[in-house]
N, C-alpha and C. Protein backbone atom coordinates (compact mmCIF):
# COMPACT_ATOMS: atom_id res chain seq x y z
N UNK A 1 15.49 -8.23 8.26
CA UNK A 1 14.35 -7.85 8.83
C UNK A 1 13.14 -8.48 8.29
N UNK A 2 13.56 -8.80 6.93
CA UNK A 2 12.34 -9.44 6.10
C UNK A 2 12.26 -10.91 6.55
N UNK A 3 13.24 -11.27 6.72
CA UNK A 3 13.20 -13.18 6.89
C UNK A 3 12.46 -13.31 8.25
N UNK A 4 12.28 -12.43 9.47
CA UNK A 4 11.35 -12.39 10.26
C UNK A 4 10.12 -12.57 10.33
N UNK A 5 9.41 -12.11 9.28
CA UNK A 5 8.28 -12.40 9.11
C UNK A 5 7.62 -12.65 8.08
N UNK A 6 6.52 -13.58 8.49
CA UNK A 6 6.20 -14.55 6.91
C UNK A 6 5.56 -13.68 5.99
N UNK A 7 4.76 -12.31 6.26
CA UNK A 7 4.35 -11.64 5.14
C UNK A 7 5.15 -10.84 4.33
N UNK A 8 6.99 -10.64 4.91
CA UNK A 8 7.77 -10.04 3.99
C UNK A 8 8.48 -10.78 3.43
N UNK A 9 8.80 -10.62 2.07
CA UNK A 9 9.97 -11.24 1.38
C UNK A 9 11.46 -11.13 2.04
N UNK A 10 11.91 -12.27 2.40
CA UNK A 10 13.31 -12.20 2.76
C UNK A 10 14.36 -11.52 1.77
N UNK A 11 14.90 -10.73 2.34
CA UNK A 11 16.19 -9.97 1.49
C UNK A 11 17.11 -10.44 1.75
N UNK A 12 17.81 -10.78 0.42
CA UNK A 12 19.45 -11.85 0.55
C UNK A 12 20.30 -10.65 0.52
N UNK A 13 20.37 -9.78 0.07
CA UNK A 13 21.40 -8.59 -0.02
C UNK A 13 20.68 -7.38 -0.19
N UNK A 14 21.51 -6.29 0.44
CA UNK A 14 21.04 -5.00 0.18
C UNK A 14 22.83 -4.28 -0.03
N UNK A 15 22.51 -3.05 -1.25
CA UNK A 15 24.06 -2.89 -1.44
C UNK A 15 23.66 -1.50 -2.46
N UNK A 16 24.74 -0.62 -2.45
CA UNK A 16 24.62 0.55 -3.62
C UNK A 16 25.77 0.69 -4.10
N UNK A 17 25.59 0.82 -5.36
CA UNK A 17 26.38 0.59 -6.39
C UNK A 17 26.53 1.50 -7.08
N UNK A 18 27.34 2.79 -7.63
CA UNK A 18 27.55 3.84 -8.51
C UNK A 18 26.26 4.82 -8.09
N UNK A 19 26.07 4.93 -6.78
CA UNK A 19 25.31 5.56 -6.20
C UNK A 19 24.00 5.44 -6.46
N UNK A 20 23.30 3.74 -6.67
CA UNK A 20 22.22 3.30 -7.18
C UNK A 20 22.01 2.12 -5.94
N UNK A 21 20.85 2.23 -5.18
CA UNK A 21 20.49 1.30 -3.69
C UNK A 21 19.97 0.33 -4.80
N UNK A 22 20.41 -0.89 -4.39
CA UNK A 22 19.55 -1.91 -4.74
C UNK A 22 19.26 -3.08 -3.95
N UNK A 23 18.09 -3.79 -3.92
CA UNK A 23 18.72 -4.82 -3.10
C UNK A 23 17.87 -6.37 -3.97
N UNK A 24 18.00 -7.69 -3.43
CA UNK A 24 18.08 -8.90 -3.81
C UNK A 24 16.97 -9.13 -2.90
N UNK A 25 15.75 -9.99 -3.60
CA UNK A 25 14.97 -10.67 -2.08
C UNK A 25 14.86 -12.18 -3.00
N UNK A 26 14.17 -13.00 -2.04
CA UNK A 26 14.14 -14.22 -2.03
C UNK A 26 13.07 -14.32 -3.18
N UNK A 27 13.07 -15.51 -4.32
CA UNK A 27 11.86 -15.68 -5.05
C UNK A 27 10.57 -15.88 -4.62
N UNK A 28 9.51 -15.36 -5.13
CA UNK A 28 8.00 -15.72 -4.62
C UNK A 28 7.42 -16.22 -6.22
N UNK A 29 7.02 -17.57 -6.09
CA UNK A 29 6.83 -18.40 -7.12
C UNK A 29 5.04 -17.72 -7.38
N UNK A 30 4.26 -16.87 -6.83
CA UNK A 30 3.21 -16.39 -6.76
C UNK A 30 3.28 -15.18 -7.98
N UNK A 31 1.67 -14.96 -7.98
CA UNK A 31 1.88 -13.60 -9.00
C UNK A 31 1.54 -12.35 -7.87
N UNK A 32 2.07 -11.46 -8.73
CA UNK A 32 1.51 -9.87 -7.65
C UNK A 32 -0.03 -9.35 -7.91
N UNK A 33 -0.31 -8.73 -7.06
CA UNK A 33 -1.56 -8.51 -7.04
C UNK A 33 -2.25 -7.87 -8.16
N UNK A 34 -1.28 -7.14 -8.84
CA UNK A 34 -1.96 -5.95 -10.00
C UNK A 34 -2.69 -7.46 -11.00
N UNK A 35 -1.46 -8.12 -11.20
CA UNK A 35 -2.13 -9.24 -12.31
C UNK A 35 -3.02 -10.26 -11.70
N UNK A 36 -3.18 -10.64 -10.14
CA UNK A 36 -4.17 -11.51 -9.97
C UNK A 36 -5.64 -10.44 -10.07
N UNK A 37 -5.76 -9.16 -9.68
CA UNK A 37 -6.89 -8.42 -9.66
C UNK A 37 -7.10 -8.62 -11.51
N UNK A 38 -6.51 -8.14 -12.10
CA UNK A 38 -6.68 -8.26 -13.60
C UNK A 38 -6.97 -9.54 -14.18
N UNK A 39 -6.30 -10.66 -13.38
CA UNK A 39 -7.06 -11.87 -13.94
C UNK A 39 -8.62 -12.44 -13.64
N UNK A 40 -8.82 -11.60 -12.52
CA UNK A 40 -10.18 -11.77 -11.57
C UNK A 40 -11.01 -10.21 -11.74
N UNK A 41 -11.27 -10.05 -12.92
CA UNK A 41 -12.13 -8.78 -12.87
C UNK A 41 -13.52 -8.71 -11.80
N UNK A 42 -13.93 -9.75 -12.14
CA UNK A 42 -15.02 -9.82 -11.39
C UNK A 42 -14.93 -9.92 -9.72
N UNK A 43 -13.81 -10.08 -9.55
CA UNK A 43 -13.09 -9.25 -7.92
C UNK A 43 -12.86 -11.22 -7.07
N UNK A 44 -11.85 -11.06 -6.80
CA UNK A 44 -11.81 -12.29 -5.73
C UNK A 44 -12.30 -12.68 -4.97
N UNK A 45 -12.58 -13.77 -4.27
CA UNK A 45 -13.63 -14.19 -3.45
C UNK A 45 -13.61 -13.26 -1.97
N UNK A 46 -14.59 -13.44 -1.13
CA UNK A 46 -14.34 -12.28 0.06
C UNK A 46 -13.04 -13.31 0.86
N UNK A 47 -13.19 -14.24 1.12
CA UNK A 47 -12.08 -14.91 1.81
C UNK A 47 -10.90 -14.61 1.41
N UNK A 48 -10.58 -14.74 0.13
CA UNK A 48 -9.64 -13.97 -0.09
C UNK A 48 -8.83 -12.85 -0.29
N UNK A 49 -10.11 -11.77 -0.10
CA UNK A 49 -9.75 -10.72 -0.11
C UNK A 49 -9.28 -10.61 1.51
N UNK A 50 -10.25 -11.01 2.16
CA UNK A 50 -9.97 -10.79 3.84
C UNK A 50 -8.41 -11.01 4.10
N UNK A 51 -7.82 -12.89 3.47
CA UNK A 51 -7.12 -12.97 3.70
C UNK A 51 -5.60 -12.15 3.38
N UNK A 52 -5.79 -11.55 2.32
CA UNK A 52 -4.52 -10.58 1.67
C UNK A 52 -4.81 -9.61 2.47
N UNK A 53 -5.67 -8.85 2.74
CA UNK A 53 -5.62 -7.73 3.72
C UNK A 53 -5.23 -7.92 4.97
N UNK A 54 -5.12 -8.95 5.48
CA UNK A 54 -4.69 -9.43 6.86
C UNK A 54 -3.32 -9.43 6.93
N UNK A 55 -2.70 -10.30 5.48
CA UNK A 55 -1.37 -10.65 5.64
C UNK A 55 -0.68 -9.31 5.36
N UNK A 56 -1.20 -8.45 4.44
CA UNK A 56 -0.72 -7.42 3.90
C UNK A 56 -0.46 -6.00 5.05
N UNK A 57 -1.44 -6.15 5.87
CA UNK A 57 -1.29 -5.40 7.12
C UNK A 57 -0.62 -5.59 8.28
N UNK A 58 -0.29 -7.35 8.24
CA UNK A 58 0.49 -7.94 9.37
C UNK A 58 1.76 -7.63 8.95
N UNK A 59 2.46 -7.83 7.66
CA UNK A 59 3.47 -7.57 7.19
C UNK A 59 4.22 -6.02 7.40
N UNK A 60 3.30 -5.13 7.04
CA UNK A 60 3.33 -3.78 7.45
C UNK A 60 3.52 -3.52 8.81
N UNK A 61 2.58 -3.86 9.26
CA UNK A 61 2.77 -3.47 10.93
C UNK A 61 3.93 -4.19 11.30
N UNK A 62 4.55 -5.42 11.00
CA UNK A 62 5.87 -5.70 11.49
C UNK A 62 7.00 -4.49 11.05
N UNK A 63 7.30 -4.39 9.67
CA UNK A 63 7.71 -3.11 9.54
C UNK A 63 8.08 -2.12 9.78
N UNK A 64 6.71 -1.44 10.50
CA UNK A 64 6.54 -0.29 11.20
C UNK A 64 7.15 -0.56 12.56
N UNK A 65 6.96 -1.73 13.36
CA UNK A 65 7.26 -1.76 14.90
C UNK A 65 8.87 -1.72 14.51
N UNK A 66 9.85 -2.23 13.49
CA UNK A 66 11.06 -1.80 13.44
C UNK A 66 11.57 -1.01 13.26
N UNK A 67 10.31 0.38 12.84
CA UNK A 67 10.77 1.39 12.24
C UNK A 67 11.10 1.66 10.81
N UNK A 68 10.70 0.71 10.16
CA UNK A 68 11.01 0.36 8.83
C UNK A 68 9.57 1.37 7.71
N UNK A 69 10.06 2.34 6.90
CA UNK A 69 8.94 2.67 6.21
C UNK A 69 9.27 2.18 4.72
N UNK A 70 8.25 1.87 4.28
CA UNK A 70 8.20 1.19 2.56
C UNK A 70 8.51 2.33 1.79
N UNK A 71 7.51 3.15 1.78
CA UNK A 71 7.89 4.55 0.86
C UNK A 71 7.42 4.32 -0.70
N UNK A 72 7.08 3.35 -1.03
CA UNK A 72 6.77 2.73 -2.43
C UNK A 72 5.83 1.50 -2.63
N UNK A 73 4.50 1.31 -1.37
CA UNK A 73 3.83 0.53 -1.06
C UNK A 73 2.77 0.67 -2.54
N UNK A 74 2.63 -0.68 -3.22
CA UNK A 74 1.73 -0.82 -4.34
C UNK A 74 1.38 -2.41 -4.80
N UNK A 75 0.29 -2.21 -5.60
CA UNK A 75 0.01 -3.68 -5.65
C UNK A 75 0.76 -4.63 -6.51
N UNK A 76 1.70 -3.89 -7.13
CA UNK A 76 2.80 -5.04 -7.44
C UNK A 76 3.85 -5.08 -7.13
N UNK A 77 3.97 -4.52 -5.93
CA UNK A 77 4.99 -5.22 -4.43
C UNK A 77 4.31 -5.94 -3.33
N UNK A 78 2.93 -6.60 -3.98
CA UNK A 78 2.35 -7.67 -2.87
C UNK A 78 2.00 -8.97 -3.87
N UNK A 79 2.60 -10.08 -3.49
CA UNK A 79 2.91 -11.01 -4.30
C UNK A 79 1.97 -12.31 -3.52
N UNK A 80 1.10 -13.06 -3.92
CA UNK A 80 0.28 -14.07 -3.54
C UNK A 80 0.46 -15.38 -4.35
N UNK A 81 0.68 -16.30 -3.53
CA UNK A 81 0.94 -17.62 -4.11
C UNK A 81 0.05 -18.45 -3.12
N UNK A 82 -1.10 -18.95 -3.37
CA UNK A 82 -1.99 -19.33 -2.33
C UNK A 82 -2.18 -18.78 -0.98
N UNK A 83 -1.80 -19.58 -0.30
CA UNK A 83 -1.67 -18.55 1.54
C UNK A 83 -0.57 -18.05 1.70
N UNK A 84 0.37 -18.11 0.80
CA UNK A 84 1.50 -17.06 1.38
C UNK A 84 1.28 -15.81 0.48
N UNK A 85 1.52 -14.79 1.10
CA UNK A 85 1.05 -13.51 1.02
C UNK A 85 2.23 -12.57 1.03
N UNK A 86 3.30 -12.03 0.44
CA UNK A 86 4.10 -11.31 1.00
C UNK A 86 4.56 -9.85 0.60
N UNK A 87 4.97 -9.18 1.17
CA UNK A 87 4.90 -7.68 0.77
C UNK A 87 6.75 -7.39 -0.02
N UNK A 88 7.01 -7.49 -1.06
CA UNK A 88 8.26 -7.10 -1.17
C UNK A 88 8.94 -5.63 -1.67
N UNK A 89 9.91 -5.59 -1.79
CA UNK A 89 10.85 -3.88 -1.77
C UNK A 89 10.81 -3.14 -0.74
N UNK A 90 10.61 -3.77 0.47
CA UNK A 90 10.65 -3.11 1.68
C UNK A 90 11.62 -2.23 1.81
N UNK A 91 11.16 -0.70 2.07
CA UNK A 91 12.58 0.06 2.47
C UNK A 91 13.55 0.98 1.56
N UNK A 92 13.04 0.40 0.06
CA UNK A 92 14.14 1.46 -0.81
C UNK A 92 13.28 1.80 -1.78
N UNK A 93 11.98 2.26 -1.34
CA UNK A 93 11.21 2.85 -2.03
C UNK A 93 10.58 4.04 -1.97
N UNK A 94 11.73 5.03 -0.71
CA UNK A 94 11.42 6.63 -0.52
C UNK A 94 11.70 7.20 -1.98
N UNK A 95 10.51 8.31 -1.73
CA UNK A 95 10.92 9.01 -3.06
C UNK A 95 12.08 10.32 -2.68
N UNK A 96 12.48 11.00 -3.54
CA UNK A 96 13.52 12.10 -3.32
C UNK A 96 12.39 13.05 -2.63
N UNK A 97 12.46 13.16 -1.48
CA UNK A 97 11.79 14.40 -0.52
C UNK A 97 12.23 16.02 -1.36
N UNK A 98 11.44 16.95 -1.18
CA UNK A 98 11.77 18.10 -1.72
C UNK A 98 11.31 18.36 -3.25
N UNK A 99 10.99 17.16 -3.70
CA UNK A 99 10.37 17.52 -5.08
C UNK A 99 8.69 17.50 -5.15
N UNK A 100 8.21 18.78 -5.42
CA UNK A 100 6.82 18.89 -5.98
C UNK A 100 6.55 18.04 -7.25
N UNK A 101 5.76 17.10 -6.76
CA UNK A 101 5.51 16.08 -8.30
C UNK A 101 4.85 16.58 -9.29
N UNK A 102 3.86 17.53 -8.97
CA UNK A 102 3.08 18.61 -10.16
C UNK A 102 3.78 19.45 -10.82
N UNK A 103 5.08 19.75 -10.21
CA UNK A 103 6.21 20.68 -11.04
C UNK A 103 6.75 19.65 -11.70
N UNK A 104 7.13 18.26 -11.33
CA UNK A 104 7.98 17.72 -11.92
C UNK A 104 7.88 17.54 -13.60
N UNK A 105 8.77 17.57 -14.48
CA UNK A 105 8.60 17.58 -15.90
C UNK A 105 8.21 16.03 -16.35
N UNK A 106 8.83 15.16 -15.65
CA UNK A 106 8.79 13.73 -15.94
C UNK A 106 8.75 13.00 -14.87
N UNK A 107 7.73 11.86 -14.74
CA UNK A 107 7.46 11.16 -13.44
C UNK A 107 8.01 9.82 -13.91
N UNK A 108 8.68 9.31 -12.74
CA UNK A 108 8.75 7.53 -13.01
C UNK A 108 8.09 6.99 -11.88
N UNK A 109 6.99 7.49 -11.15
CA UNK A 109 6.16 6.68 -10.39
C UNK A 109 5.30 5.96 -10.48
N UNK A 110 4.72 5.22 -10.22
CA UNK A 110 3.42 4.97 -10.34
C UNK A 110 2.33 5.64 -9.40
N UNK A 111 1.67 6.80 -10.09
CA UNK A 111 1.22 7.84 -9.39
C UNK A 111 -0.05 7.40 -8.24
N UNK A 112 -0.73 6.26 -8.52
CA UNK A 112 -2.16 5.93 -8.00
C UNK A 112 -1.66 5.79 -6.93
N UNK A 113 -0.75 5.45 -6.08
CA UNK A 113 -0.62 4.87 -4.86
C UNK A 113 0.13 6.04 -3.81
N UNK A 114 0.58 7.24 -3.99
CA UNK A 114 1.54 8.50 -3.84
C UNK A 114 0.23 9.24 -2.74
N UNK A 115 0.89 9.08 -1.47
CA UNK A 115 -0.09 10.01 -0.86
C UNK A 115 0.38 11.43 -0.89
N UNK A 116 -0.55 12.19 -0.58
CA UNK A 116 -0.61 13.68 -0.64
C UNK A 116 0.98 14.48 -0.43
N UNK A 117 1.32 14.03 0.70
CA UNK A 117 2.65 14.62 0.89
C UNK A 117 3.80 13.75 0.24
N UNK A 118 3.43 13.03 -0.72
CA UNK A 118 4.52 12.57 -1.44
C UNK A 118 4.56 13.30 -2.48
N UNK A 119 3.33 13.90 -3.09
CA UNK A 119 2.81 14.44 -4.33
C UNK A 119 3.61 15.69 -4.12
N UNK A 120 3.72 16.27 -2.71
CA UNK A 120 4.01 17.89 -2.51
C UNK A 120 5.23 17.57 -2.17
N UNK A 121 6.23 16.57 -2.19
CA UNK A 121 7.73 16.31 -1.86
C UNK A 121 8.01 16.70 -0.47
N UNK A 122 6.99 16.40 0.36
CA UNK A 122 7.12 16.58 1.88
C UNK A 122 7.85 15.42 2.64
N UNK A 123 8.33 15.34 3.58
CA UNK A 123 9.14 14.35 4.27
C UNK A 123 7.68 13.24 4.56
N UNK A 124 8.31 11.75 4.60
CA UNK A 124 7.43 10.74 4.49
C UNK A 124 7.61 10.01 5.79
N UNK A 125 6.73 9.03 5.98
CA UNK A 125 6.85 8.40 7.36
C UNK A 125 6.02 6.98 7.16
N UNK A 126 5.70 6.57 8.32
CA UNK A 126 5.02 5.50 8.52
C UNK A 126 3.67 5.60 7.65
N UNK A 127 2.79 6.86 8.18
CA UNK A 127 1.69 7.49 7.91
C UNK A 127 1.51 7.47 6.42
N UNK A 128 2.39 7.13 5.64
CA UNK A 128 2.46 7.56 3.96
C UNK A 128 2.37 6.35 3.61
N UNK A 129 2.85 5.54 4.22
CA UNK A 129 2.33 3.57 4.18
C UNK A 129 1.02 3.88 4.23
N UNK A 130 0.09 4.27 5.19
CA UNK A 130 -1.19 3.91 5.58
C UNK A 130 -1.92 4.44 4.38
N UNK A 131 -1.75 5.34 3.84
CA UNK A 131 -2.51 5.71 2.69
C UNK A 131 -2.20 4.76 1.33
N UNK A 132 -1.04 4.51 1.32
CA UNK A 132 -0.86 3.70 -0.20
C UNK A 132 -1.37 2.08 0.35
N UNK A 133 -1.36 1.91 1.61
CA UNK A 133 -2.09 0.34 2.11
C UNK A 133 -3.88 1.20 1.89
N UNK A 134 -4.56 2.52 2.21
CA UNK A 134 -5.84 2.16 1.95
C UNK A 134 -6.30 2.30 0.63
N UNK A 135 -5.40 2.72 -0.45
CA UNK A 135 -5.36 2.56 -1.66
C UNK A 135 -5.60 1.00 -2.21
N UNK A 136 -4.54 0.51 -1.30
CA UNK A 136 -4.78 -1.18 -2.15
C UNK A 136 -5.69 -1.83 -1.63
N UNK A 137 -5.98 -1.49 -0.45
CA UNK A 137 -7.16 -1.89 -0.18
C UNK A 137 -8.71 -1.65 -0.48
N UNK A 138 -8.61 -0.20 -1.15
CA UNK A 138 -9.91 -0.27 -1.81
C UNK A 138 -9.61 -0.58 -3.03
N UNK A 139 -8.78 -0.68 -3.60
CA UNK A 139 -8.61 -1.10 -4.90
C UNK A 139 -9.02 -3.38 -4.64
N UNK A 140 -8.43 -3.82 -3.72
CA UNK A 140 -8.79 -4.83 -3.42
C UNK A 140 -10.65 -5.45 -3.11
N UNK A 141 -11.28 -4.29 -2.26
CA UNK A 141 -12.50 -4.69 -2.22
C UNK A 141 -13.30 -3.86 -3.15
N UNK A 142 -13.03 -3.19 -3.82
CA UNK A 142 -14.01 -2.37 -5.14
C UNK A 142 -13.80 -2.58 -6.35
N UNK A 143 -12.24 -3.29 -6.83
CA UNK A 143 -12.13 -3.54 -8.08
C UNK A 143 -11.35 -2.55 -8.67
N UNK A 144 -11.23 -1.23 -8.43
CA UNK A 144 -10.53 -0.42 -9.13
C UNK A 144 -9.95 0.48 -7.96
N UNK A 145 -8.82 1.32 -8.70
CA UNK A 145 -8.16 2.67 -7.19
C UNK A 145 -9.07 3.23 -7.42
N UNK A 146 -8.94 4.27 -5.99
CA UNK A 146 -10.07 5.16 -6.11
C UNK A 146 -10.02 6.56 -6.81
N UNK A 147 -8.92 7.08 -7.62
CA UNK A 147 -8.42 8.20 -7.98
C UNK A 147 -7.81 7.32 -9.87
N UNK A 148 -8.42 7.90 -10.62
CA UNK A 148 -8.65 7.38 -12.23
C UNK A 148 -8.34 8.69 -12.95
N UNK A 149 -7.73 8.22 -14.13
CA UNK A 149 -7.25 9.47 -15.05
C UNK A 149 -5.96 9.32 -15.61
N UNK A 150 -5.56 10.49 -15.62
CA UNK A 150 -3.97 10.55 -16.28
C UNK A 150 -3.13 10.99 -14.92
N UNK A 151 -1.67 11.08 -15.08
CA UNK A 151 -0.98 11.28 -14.08
C UNK A 151 -1.75 12.60 -13.36
N UNK A 152 -1.40 13.64 -14.03
CA UNK A 152 -1.67 14.82 -13.49
C UNK A 152 -3.12 14.77 -12.63
N UNK A 153 -4.25 14.54 -13.46
CA UNK A 153 -5.01 14.12 -12.35
C UNK A 153 -5.05 13.51 -11.30
N UNK A 154 -4.39 12.17 -11.25
CA UNK A 154 -4.78 11.63 -10.08
C UNK A 154 -3.76 12.10 -9.16
N UNK A 155 -2.80 12.99 -9.39
CA UNK A 155 -1.80 13.81 -8.41
C UNK A 155 -2.60 14.78 -7.88
N UNK A 156 -3.59 15.30 -8.81
CA UNK A 156 -4.47 16.47 -8.25
C UNK A 156 -5.71 15.83 -7.13
N UNK A 157 -6.19 14.79 -7.77
CA UNK A 157 -7.20 14.03 -7.18
C UNK A 157 -6.42 13.42 -5.66
N UNK A 158 -5.33 13.22 -5.38
CA UNK A 158 -4.64 12.80 -4.04
C UNK A 158 -4.52 14.35 -3.23
N UNK A 159 -4.62 14.98 -3.72
CA UNK A 159 -4.69 16.37 -3.05
C UNK A 159 -5.98 17.01 -2.68
N UNK A 160 -6.89 16.85 -3.31
CA UNK A 160 -8.31 17.76 -3.74
C UNK A 160 -9.59 17.03 -3.69
N UNK A 161 -9.09 15.58 -4.07
CA UNK A 161 -10.45 15.01 -4.03
C UNK A 161 -10.81 13.93 -3.06
N UNK A 162 -12.22 13.80 -2.56
CA UNK A 162 -12.42 12.90 -1.64
C UNK A 162 -12.51 11.20 -2.55
N UNK A 163 -12.43 10.15 -2.18
CA UNK A 163 -12.45 9.28 -3.05
C UNK A 163 -13.76 8.62 -3.01
N UNK A 164 -14.32 8.07 -4.31
CA UNK A 164 -15.76 7.76 -4.69
C UNK A 164 -16.19 6.91 -3.42
N UNK A 165 -17.14 6.53 -2.73
CA UNK A 165 -18.09 6.03 -1.60
C UNK A 165 -17.45 4.05 -2.54
N UNK A 166 -17.32 3.85 -1.52
CA UNK A 166 -16.83 1.85 -2.15
C UNK A 166 -18.33 1.28 -2.25
N UNK A 167 -18.12 0.33 -2.91
CA UNK A 167 -19.60 -0.34 -2.92
C UNK A 167 -20.12 -0.85 -1.86
N UNK A 168 -21.45 -1.36 -1.94
CA UNK A 168 -21.98 -1.44 -0.67
C UNK A 168 -22.13 -2.74 -0.32
N UNK A 169 -21.05 -3.91 -1.26
CA UNK A 169 -20.65 -5.02 -0.67
C UNK A 169 -20.01 -4.97 0.23
N UNK A 170 -19.28 -4.03 0.68
CA UNK A 170 -17.91 -3.74 1.64
C UNK A 170 -18.54 -3.24 2.79
N UNK A 171 -18.60 -3.85 4.25
CA UNK A 171 -18.92 -4.02 5.28
C UNK A 171 -18.41 -2.38 6.24
N UNK A 172 -19.72 -1.68 6.44
CA UNK A 172 -19.58 -0.46 6.88
C UNK A 172 -18.41 -0.22 7.73
N UNK A 173 -18.09 -0.85 8.68
CA UNK A 173 -17.02 -0.87 9.80
C UNK A 173 -15.62 -1.02 8.36
N UNK A 174 -15.46 -1.69 7.40
CA UNK A 174 -14.52 -1.67 6.96
C UNK A 174 -14.02 -0.73 5.90
N UNK A 175 -15.45 -0.07 5.29
CA UNK A 175 -15.08 1.25 4.64
C UNK A 175 -14.56 2.32 5.68
N UNK A 176 -15.26 2.32 6.88
CA UNK A 176 -14.77 3.53 8.03
C UNK A 176 -13.39 3.43 7.69
N UNK A 177 -12.56 2.04 7.69
CA UNK A 177 -11.38 1.86 7.83
C UNK A 177 -10.74 2.31 6.78
N UNK A 178 -11.08 1.96 5.62
CA UNK A 178 -10.00 2.51 4.44
C UNK A 178 -10.54 3.98 4.12
N UNK A 179 -11.65 4.63 4.47
CA UNK A 179 -11.77 6.14 4.35
C UNK A 179 -10.74 6.49 4.91
N UNK A 180 -10.60 6.05 6.67
CA UNK A 180 -9.40 6.67 7.53
C UNK A 180 -8.22 6.72 6.95
N UNK A 181 -7.78 5.43 6.31
CA UNK A 181 -6.41 5.34 5.44
C UNK A 181 -5.91 6.47 4.73
N UNK A 182 -7.26 6.79 3.76
CA UNK A 182 -7.14 7.92 2.65
C UNK A 182 -7.28 9.55 2.98
N UNK A 183 -7.47 9.85 4.45
CA UNK A 183 -6.93 10.88 5.02
C UNK A 183 -6.14 11.56 4.10
N UNK A 184 -6.57 13.01 3.54
CA UNK A 184 -5.74 13.71 3.33
C UNK A 184 -4.47 14.18 3.88
N UNK A 185 -5.15 14.75 5.19
CA UNK A 185 -3.85 14.89 6.50
C UNK A 185 -3.59 13.72 6.99
N UNK A 186 -2.12 13.23 6.82
CA UNK A 186 -1.23 12.18 7.79
C UNK A 186 -1.76 12.04 9.01
N UNK A 187 -1.92 13.12 9.60
CA UNK A 187 -2.19 12.84 11.10
C UNK A 187 -3.77 12.53 11.24
N UNK A 188 -4.69 12.16 10.37
CA UNK A 188 -6.00 11.72 10.53
C UNK A 188 -6.24 9.97 10.10
N UNK A 189 -4.83 9.54 9.59
CA UNK A 189 -4.84 8.19 9.32
C UNK A 189 -4.25 7.07 10.34
N UNK A 190 -4.03 7.81 11.55
CA UNK A 190 -3.57 7.11 12.68
C UNK A 190 -1.49 6.82 12.75
N UNK A 191 -1.22 6.18 13.51
CA UNK A 191 0.22 6.38 13.48
C UNK A 191 1.16 5.74 12.75
N UNK A 192 0.35 4.02 12.58
CA UNK A 192 1.37 3.23 12.10
C UNK A 192 0.31 1.72 11.51
N UNK A 193 0.79 0.81 10.78
CA UNK A 193 0.04 -0.18 10.45
C UNK A 193 -0.29 -1.26 11.85
N UNK A 194 0.32 -0.61 13.01
CA UNK A 194 -0.07 -1.54 13.87
C UNK A 194 -1.45 -1.49 14.75
N UNK A 195 -1.91 -0.09 14.24
CA UNK A 195 -3.22 0.46 14.67
C UNK A 195 -4.29 -0.21 13.93
N UNK A 196 -3.80 -0.49 12.57
CA UNK A 196 -5.04 -0.91 11.59
C UNK A 196 -4.97 -2.51 11.83
N UNK A 197 -3.87 -3.21 12.37
CA UNK A 197 -3.88 -4.46 12.40
C UNK A 197 -4.77 -4.67 13.38
N UNK A 198 -4.99 -3.88 14.22
CA UNK A 198 -6.10 -4.02 15.54
C UNK A 198 -7.32 -3.99 15.39
N UNK A 199 -7.38 -2.57 14.36
CA UNK A 199 -9.18 -2.72 13.67
C UNK A 199 -9.23 -3.73 12.72
N UNK A 200 -8.68 -3.82 12.04
CA UNK A 200 -8.90 -5.30 11.18
C UNK A 200 -9.29 -6.49 12.62
N UNK A 201 -8.27 -6.50 13.28
CA UNK A 201 -9.12 -7.77 13.86
C UNK A 201 -10.09 -7.35 14.82
N UNK A 202 -10.63 -6.39 15.34
CA UNK A 202 -11.75 -6.37 15.49
C UNK A 202 -12.73 -6.23 14.55
N UNK A 203 -12.74 -6.20 13.19
CA UNK A 203 -13.73 -6.43 12.27
C UNK A 203 -13.77 -7.56 11.95
N UNK A 204 -12.62 -8.40 12.03
CA UNK A 204 -12.88 -9.96 11.77
C UNK A 204 -13.59 -10.44 12.69
N UNK A 205 -13.73 -10.00 14.00
CA UNK A 205 -14.07 -10.51 15.25
C UNK A 205 -15.58 -10.32 15.28
N UNK A 206 -15.91 -8.90 14.69
CA UNK A 206 -17.39 -8.73 14.65
C UNK A 206 -17.90 -9.24 13.35
N UNK A 207 -17.27 -10.02 12.54
CA UNK A 207 -17.73 -10.74 11.41
C UNK A 207 -17.82 -12.05 11.71
């Protein structure tokens, strides 16, 4: 899969050992997006934000076309080196379904990017990736994730709270797209990143 798209890290090996699944990916010399954003608290240049968004959406769209769900998409799975922007960890991030994380005694996940259906332990699909994509795009263009606080507060916010309005520097069409991706109901987000790719192309064309 990953070797076939420039915005996905190539997978060298996938295996299961002692009931633990793992993958080995190509080395990426750049920085993960979380580090890059911390190093630029004032925000990345607009052109860099748009290039990152386009690359992220393109890689995810290709994966969804192949029937692959990431399941654990977040800022530290996006690697940036100059013009090369790639997603890692593809396909091994599916959380254990059937576990309501609000009732779990101990969490091992980064909760800021979890879709409502993941919080509730329901089955996930490509639309779950769209929610995480929405969080990353919100973070990319606004500077912070939409929901902040401790783990339980963030989990509850995914279920019950609307994200705060994006800053006024974000174009209205892009705001609308990100807001759609952050819909609580998976059916309201669209079906896959292929649709998001088309919408982003229209936004770029309008700009």
